[in-house]
Protein backbone atom coordinates (compact mmCIF):
# COMPACT_ATOMS: atom_id res chain seq x y z
CA MET A 1 4.76 17.68 17.17
CA TYR A 2 5.75 16.53 13.71
CA ALA A 3 5.63 12.78 13.13
CA ILE A 4 7.89 13.12 10.08
CA ARG A 5 10.30 15.93 9.23
CA THR A 6 12.97 16.26 6.55
CA GLU A 7 15.59 18.92 5.90
CA ASN A 8 17.18 19.07 2.44
CA LEU A 9 16.92 15.28 2.17
CA THR A 10 18.86 14.11 -0.88
CA ARG A 11 19.66 10.73 -2.36
CA LYS A 12 21.84 10.15 -5.40
CA PHE A 13 22.50 6.97 -7.36
CA GLY A 14 25.65 7.73 -9.31
CA ASP A 15 24.88 10.70 -11.53
CA VAL A 16 21.12 10.42 -10.94
CA THR A 17 19.53 12.49 -8.17
CA ALA A 18 16.45 10.51 -7.14
CA VAL A 19 15.49 12.85 -4.28
CA ASP A 20 16.64 16.46 -4.45
CA GLY A 21 16.63 18.61 -1.29
CA LEU A 22 13.29 17.41 0.07
CA CYS A 23 11.84 19.50 2.92
CA LEU A 24 8.64 18.14 4.50
CA GLU A 25 6.78 18.44 7.80
CA ILE A 26 4.00 15.95 8.53
CA ARG A 27 1.91 16.24 11.67
CA ALA A 28 1.08 13.36 13.97
CA GLY A 29 -2.24 11.71 13.10
CA GLU A 30 -2.22 13.10 9.56
CA LEU A 31 -2.98 11.25 6.34
CA PHE A 32 -0.34 12.67 4.00
CA GLY A 33 0.00 11.84 0.31
CA LEU A 34 3.15 11.94 -1.83
CA VAL A 35 1.91 12.23 -5.39
CA GLY A 36 3.77 11.92 -8.65
CA PRO A 37 4.35 9.80 -11.77
CA ASP A 38 6.57 6.73 -12.01
CA GLY A 39 10.20 7.74 -11.57
CA ALA A 40 9.36 10.83 -9.50
CA GLY A 41 11.34 9.55 -6.50
CA LYS A 42 8.43 8.48 -4.29
CA SER A 43 9.73 4.99 -3.47
CA THR A 44 13.18 6.37 -2.65
CA VAL A 45 11.60 8.82 -0.19
CA MET A 46 9.75 5.93 1.44
CA ARG A 47 12.95 3.91 1.82
CA LEU A 48 14.84 6.88 3.22
CA LEU A 49 12.17 7.58 5.84
CA SER A 50 11.94 3.88 6.74
CA SER A 51 15.71 3.74 7.34
CA ILE A 52 16.16 1.23 4.52
CA LEU A 53 18.38 3.69 2.63
CA ASP A 54 20.78 6.30 3.96
CA PRO A 55 20.63 9.77 2.41
CA SER A 56 23.48 11.19 0.35
CA SER A 57 22.96 14.42 2.30
CA GLY A 58 20.36 16.10 4.46
CA ASP A 59 18.45 14.73 7.44
CA ALA A 60 15.13 13.17 8.34
CA TRP A 61 13.36 12.42 11.62
CA VAL A 62 10.53 9.94 12.16
CA ASN A 63 8.66 10.07 15.47
CA GLY A 64 11.48 12.27 16.77
CA LEU A 65 14.18 9.75 15.83
CA HIS A 66 16.93 10.35 13.28
CA THR A 67 16.62 7.96 10.33
CA VAL A 68 20.36 7.17 10.29
CA ARG A 69 21.50 7.40 13.90
CA ASP A 70 18.34 5.77 15.29
CA ALA A 71 17.61 3.41 12.40
CA ASP A 72 17.07 0.26 14.48
CA THR A 73 14.68 1.97 16.88
CA ILE A 74 12.68 3.51 14.03
CA LYS A 75 12.11 0.16 12.34
CA ASP A 76 10.43 -1.15 15.48
CA SER A 77 7.95 1.74 15.65
CA ILE A 78 6.78 1.99 12.03
CA GLY A 79 4.85 -0.11 9.56
CA TYR A 80 6.14 -0.28 5.99
CA MET A 81 4.35 -1.72 2.97
CA SER A 82 6.38 -1.76 -0.22
CA GLN A 83 5.07 -1.57 -3.79
CA ARG A 84 5.55 -5.24 -4.45
CA PHE A 85 3.65 -7.90 -2.58
CA GLY A 86 6.32 -8.94 -0.06
CA LEU A 87 4.46 -11.69 1.75
CA TYR A 88 4.76 -15.45 1.36
CA PRO A 89 2.48 -16.87 -1.37
CA ASP A 90 2.81 -20.46 -0.13
CA LEU A 91 1.61 -19.51 3.37
CA SER A 92 -2.02 -18.94 4.27
CA VAL A 93 -3.44 -15.60 5.34
CA MET A 94 -3.23 -16.61 9.02
CA GLU A 95 0.27 -18.06 8.65
CA ASN A 96 1.51 -14.80 7.15
CA LEU A 97 0.03 -12.82 10.02
CA ASP A 98 1.52 -15.21 12.57
CA PHE A 99 4.90 -15.01 10.86
CA TYR A 100 4.99 -11.21 11.01
CA ALA A 101 3.76 -11.25 14.59
CA ASP A 102 6.72 -13.49 15.45
CA ILE A 103 9.17 -11.21 13.63
CA TYR A 104 7.94 -8.16 15.55
CA GLY A 105 7.87 -10.06 18.84
CA VAL A 106 4.12 -9.71 19.31
CA ARG A 107 3.28 -12.25 22.00
CA GLY A 108 1.15 -12.68 25.06
CA SER A 109 -2.58 -12.64 25.62
CA THR A 110 -3.23 -9.63 23.37
CA ARG A 111 -1.76 -11.24 20.23
CA SER A 112 -4.74 -13.44 19.43
CA SER A 113 -7.29 -10.66 19.91
CA HIS A 114 -5.21 -8.19 17.89
CA VAL A 115 -4.79 -10.57 14.95
CA LYS A 116 -8.52 -11.30 15.05
CA GLN A 117 -9.23 -7.57 15.01
CA LEU A 118 -6.94 -7.07 11.99
CA LEU A 119 -8.67 -9.90 10.10
CA GLU A 120 -12.08 -8.38 10.72
CA PHE A 121 -10.80 -4.86 10.03
CA SER A 122 -9.39 -5.87 6.63
CA GLY A 123 -12.29 -8.12 5.65
CA LEU A 124 -10.00 -11.18 5.55
CA ALA A 125 -11.64 -13.13 8.40
CA PRO A 126 -13.41 -15.58 6.02
CA PHE A 127 -10.14 -16.33 4.18
CA THR A 128 -7.69 -17.26 6.94
CA LYS A 129 -6.86 -20.64 5.38
CA ARG A 130 -6.47 -19.38 1.80
CA LEU A 131 -2.92 -19.26 0.44
CA ALA A 132 -1.72 -15.69 -0.01
CA GLY A 133 -0.69 -16.50 -3.59
CA ASN A 134 -4.33 -17.31 -4.40
CA LEU A 135 -5.71 -13.99 -3.21
CA SER A 136 -6.95 -11.29 -5.57
CA GLY A 137 -4.84 -8.15 -5.98
CA GLY A 138 -7.00 -6.15 -3.61
CA MET A 139 -7.00 -8.88 -0.96
CA LYS A 140 -3.21 -9.19 -1.19
CA GLN A 141 -2.89 -5.49 -0.49
CA LYS A 142 -5.23 -5.77 2.50
CA LEU A 143 -3.17 -8.67 3.84
CA GLY A 144 0.01 -6.65 3.35
CA LEU A 145 -1.56 -3.79 5.28
CA ALA A 146 -2.69 -6.12 8.08
CA CYS A 147 0.83 -7.57 8.40
CA SER A 148 2.35 -4.09 8.56
CA LEU A 149 -0.06 -3.25 11.40
CA VAL A 150 0.47 -6.40 13.44
CA HIS A 151 2.81 -4.63 15.90
CA THR A 152 0.56 -1.56 16.25
CA PRO A 153 2.90 1.05 14.70
CA LYS A 154 2.42 4.75 15.30
CA ILE A 155 3.44 5.66 11.73
CA LEU A 156 2.54 3.77 8.58
CA PHE A 157 4.43 4.06 5.29
CA LEU A 158 2.55 2.79 2.23
CA ASP A 159 4.31 2.83 -1.14
CA GLU A 160 1.69 2.96 -3.92
CA PRO A 161 -0.53 0.43 -2.10
CA THR A 162 -3.34 0.49 -4.69
CA ASN A 163 -1.24 0.36 -7.85
CA GLY A 164 -2.89 -2.09 -10.25
CA VAL A 165 -5.82 -2.73 -7.91
CA ASP A 166 -9.42 -2.58 -9.20
CA PRO A 167 -11.53 0.53 -8.39
CA VAL A 168 -13.75 -1.22 -5.81
CA SER A 169 -10.74 -2.57 -3.90
CA ARG A 170 -9.10 0.87 -4.07
CA ARG A 171 -12.18 2.41 -2.48
CA ASP A 172 -12.27 -0.24 0.26
CA PHE A 173 -8.55 0.20 0.94
CA TRP A 174 -8.92 3.95 1.40
CA LYS A 175 -11.87 3.40 3.71
CA ILE A 176 -9.56 1.32 5.91
CA LEU A 177 -6.91 4.07 5.83
CA HIS A 178 -9.40 6.68 7.03
CA GLU A 179 -10.46 4.37 9.85
CA LEU A 180 -6.80 4.01 10.87
CA GLU A 181 -6.38 7.77 10.77
CA GLY A 182 -9.37 8.05 13.10
CA GLU A 183 -7.48 5.85 15.56
CA GLY A 184 -4.55 8.29 15.57
CA VAL A 185 -2.18 6.51 13.18
CA THR A 186 0.01 8.79 11.06
CA ILE A 187 -0.19 7.59 7.45
CA PHE A 188 2.30 8.53 4.75
CA VAL A 189 1.12 7.14 1.42
CA SER A 190 2.56 7.52 -2.07
CA THR A 191 0.36 7.29 -5.14
CA CYS A 192 0.31 8.11 -8.84
CA TYR A 193 -3.49 8.45 -8.75
CA LEU A 194 -4.50 12.08 -8.44
CA ASP A 195 -8.06 11.18 -7.46
CA GLU A 196 -6.60 9.44 -4.39
CA ALA A 197 -4.65 12.57 -3.52
CA GLU A 198 -7.98 14.35 -2.99
CA ARG A 199 -8.63 11.98 -0.06
CA CYS A 200 -5.54 13.10 1.87
CA ASP A 201 -5.48 15.76 4.58
CA ARG A 202 -2.41 17.27 2.93
CA LEU A 203 -0.23 16.25 0.04
CA ALA A 204 2.96 16.99 -1.84
CA LEU A 205 3.35 16.95 -5.61
CA MET A 206 6.71 15.53 -6.69
CA ASP A 207 8.44 15.05 -10.03
CA ASN A 208 12.03 14.29 -11.05
CA GLY A 209 13.06 14.13 -7.40
CA LYS A 210 11.86 17.66 -6.64
CA LEU A 211 8.97 18.94 -4.56
CA LEU A 212 6.58 21.02 -6.70
CA ALA A 213 3.90 22.01 -4.18
CA THR A 214 2.56 21.08 -0.73
CA GLY A 215 -0.64 21.77 1.20
CA THR A 216 -4.23 20.66 1.42
CA PRO A 217 -5.77 19.64 -1.93
CA GLY A 218 -7.44 23.06 -2.06
CA GLU A 219 -4.20 24.89 -1.28
CA VAL A 220 -2.33 22.92 -3.96
CA ARG A 221 -4.99 23.78 -6.53
CA GLY A 222 -4.44 27.42 -5.53
CA HIS A 223 -0.86 27.22 -6.85
CA MET A 224 -2.27 27.38 -10.36
CA LYS A 225 -2.55 30.97 -11.59
CA GLU A 226 -3.84 30.18 -15.07
CA SER A 227 -7.44 29.39 -16.03
CA VAL A 228 -8.74 26.01 -17.13
CA ILE A 229 -11.14 25.92 -20.08
CA ASP A 230 -13.32 22.81 -20.32
CA VAL A 231 -14.33 21.98 -23.90
CA VAL A 232 -17.04 19.37 -24.53
CA THR A 233 -17.65 18.41 -28.16
CA SER A 234 -18.96 15.60 -30.36
CA SER A 235 -15.38 14.47 -31.08
CA ALA A 236 -12.86 15.04 -28.30
CA ARG A 237 -9.83 13.61 -30.11
CA LYS A 238 -10.40 15.62 -33.27
CA ALA A 239 -10.96 18.75 -31.17
CA LEU A 240 -7.73 18.02 -29.31
CA GLU A 241 -5.71 17.96 -32.54
CA ILE A 242 -7.20 21.26 -33.74
CA LEU A 243 -6.81 23.09 -30.42
CA ARG A 244 -3.24 21.88 -29.86
CA ALA A 245 -2.23 23.13 -33.29
CA LYS A 246 -3.81 26.53 -32.59
CA PHE A 247 -2.85 27.22 -28.96
CA THR A 248 0.83 26.34 -28.94
CA ASP A 249 1.41 28.71 -26.01
CA SER A 250 -1.10 26.85 -23.82
CA THR A 251 -1.37 23.34 -22.38
CA VAL A 252 -4.06 21.38 -24.22
CA SER A 253 -4.87 17.93 -22.77
CA LEU A 254 -7.47 15.21 -23.17
CA PHE A 255 -9.57 14.56 -20.04
CA GLY A 256 -11.81 11.58 -20.81
CA ASP A 257 -14.45 12.78 -23.27
CA ARG A 258 -13.44 16.44 -23.08
CA VAL A 259 -10.48 18.75 -23.66
CA HIS A 260 -8.86 21.01 -21.09
CA ILE A 261 -6.97 24.14 -22.11
CA THR A 262 -4.77 25.85 -19.54
CA THR A 263 -4.33 29.50 -20.48
CA SER A 264 -3.66 32.98 -19.13
CA ASP A 265 -6.12 34.49 -21.66
CA PRO A 266 -9.40 32.59 -21.16
CA ALA A 267 -11.71 34.98 -23.01
CA ARG A 268 -9.66 34.83 -26.22
CA VAL A 269 -9.24 31.06 -26.04
CA MET A 270 -12.94 30.41 -25.44
CA SER A 271 -14.03 32.61 -28.35
CA ALA A 272 -11.42 31.25 -30.76
CA SER A 273 -12.07 27.63 -29.78
CA ASP A 274 -15.79 27.91 -30.41
CA LYS A 275 -15.25 29.47 -33.83
CA MET A 276 -12.53 27.05 -34.98
CA LEU A 277 -14.32 23.88 -33.91
CA LYS A 278 -17.58 24.89 -35.57
CA GLN A 279 -15.72 25.73 -38.77
CA ALA A 280 -14.21 22.22 -38.65
CA GLY A 281 -17.70 20.71 -38.47
CA ILE A 282 -17.44 19.65 -34.82
CA ASP A 283 -20.51 20.08 -32.65
CA VAL A 284 -19.66 22.21 -29.63
CA ILE A 285 -21.69 21.17 -26.60
CA SER A 286 -20.09 23.55 -24.10
CA ILE A 287 -17.01 25.73 -23.55
CA GLN A 288 -16.57 27.13 -20.05
CA LYS A 289 -14.11 27.93 -17.30
CA GLU A 290 -13.90 25.43 -14.45
CA SER A 291 -12.00 24.93 -11.23
CA PRO A 292 -8.66 23.19 -11.84
CA SER A 293 -8.24 19.57 -10.82
CA LEU A 294 -5.04 18.33 -9.21
CA GLU A 295 -4.14 16.86 -12.59
CA ASP A 296 -4.47 20.31 -14.17
CA VAL A 297 -2.23 21.74 -11.46
CA PHE A 298 0.38 19.01 -11.83
CA ILE A 299 0.55 19.47 -15.61
CA SER A 300 0.75 23.25 -15.24
CA ILE A 301 3.44 23.55 -12.56
CA GLY A 302 5.33 20.51 -13.77
CA ARG A 303 6.05 22.12 -17.13
CA ASN A 304 7.39 25.33 -15.61
């Protein structure tokens, strides 16, 4: 059974098509990533699937329910965490959790134990009296996640939950997500971080409202037919300028302290690069083919 399914899902805002004919199938219990840059349409997809927005055309089903016809029922069975911190800064951690428990009608003898479990699960147990507005960015995101889980949803929608969060908090947040997945929760998460996409069971690359590729991280990397040449030198930026000027028919990008060249003629590019850089007085440490990263794939298929 698919937890989430869309057929030609489209949303327009005037003349702008934010989501263009999206077709996705996400299995129950899967951690699925929607990956793309700012403006790709990720947040609009989240709002469509959460029944916050109606589509201009096409259909979507969440947990077997139609996102338009069954909107009210869907909202009761999902957790949704938006990009922006949507909790109350002048309430404490515990008061925010209690507030959301009241909204979702979580009552009875299990409420106290469930809230306690969420506090321990998120690492917020020592901070129950701290005002939400005084939390760090990572702790705010954990509180947002805890509040979205207070009614024990089967499907969780997370819209760029680690955007602007420090690397340690990002790692901790993803550890929590994998624990949730182990408990059978279906997680649909959007991100602009390609390293996070590697942590998903499957993912979809999206840009300008269109789906570019879907599959496991390995399957998505397999969409790239060209070779990636990794160039390590004593001066990456100077090497970048020289190689971009030479290989105008290839994609030449800076990757940290090295340069990546995406090409259909690796032997020629490797030989010419070595010769040109040495002639320019740049020490060449290594030039070799390497397996493409998701960033390489995104750059390659996104320009076609």
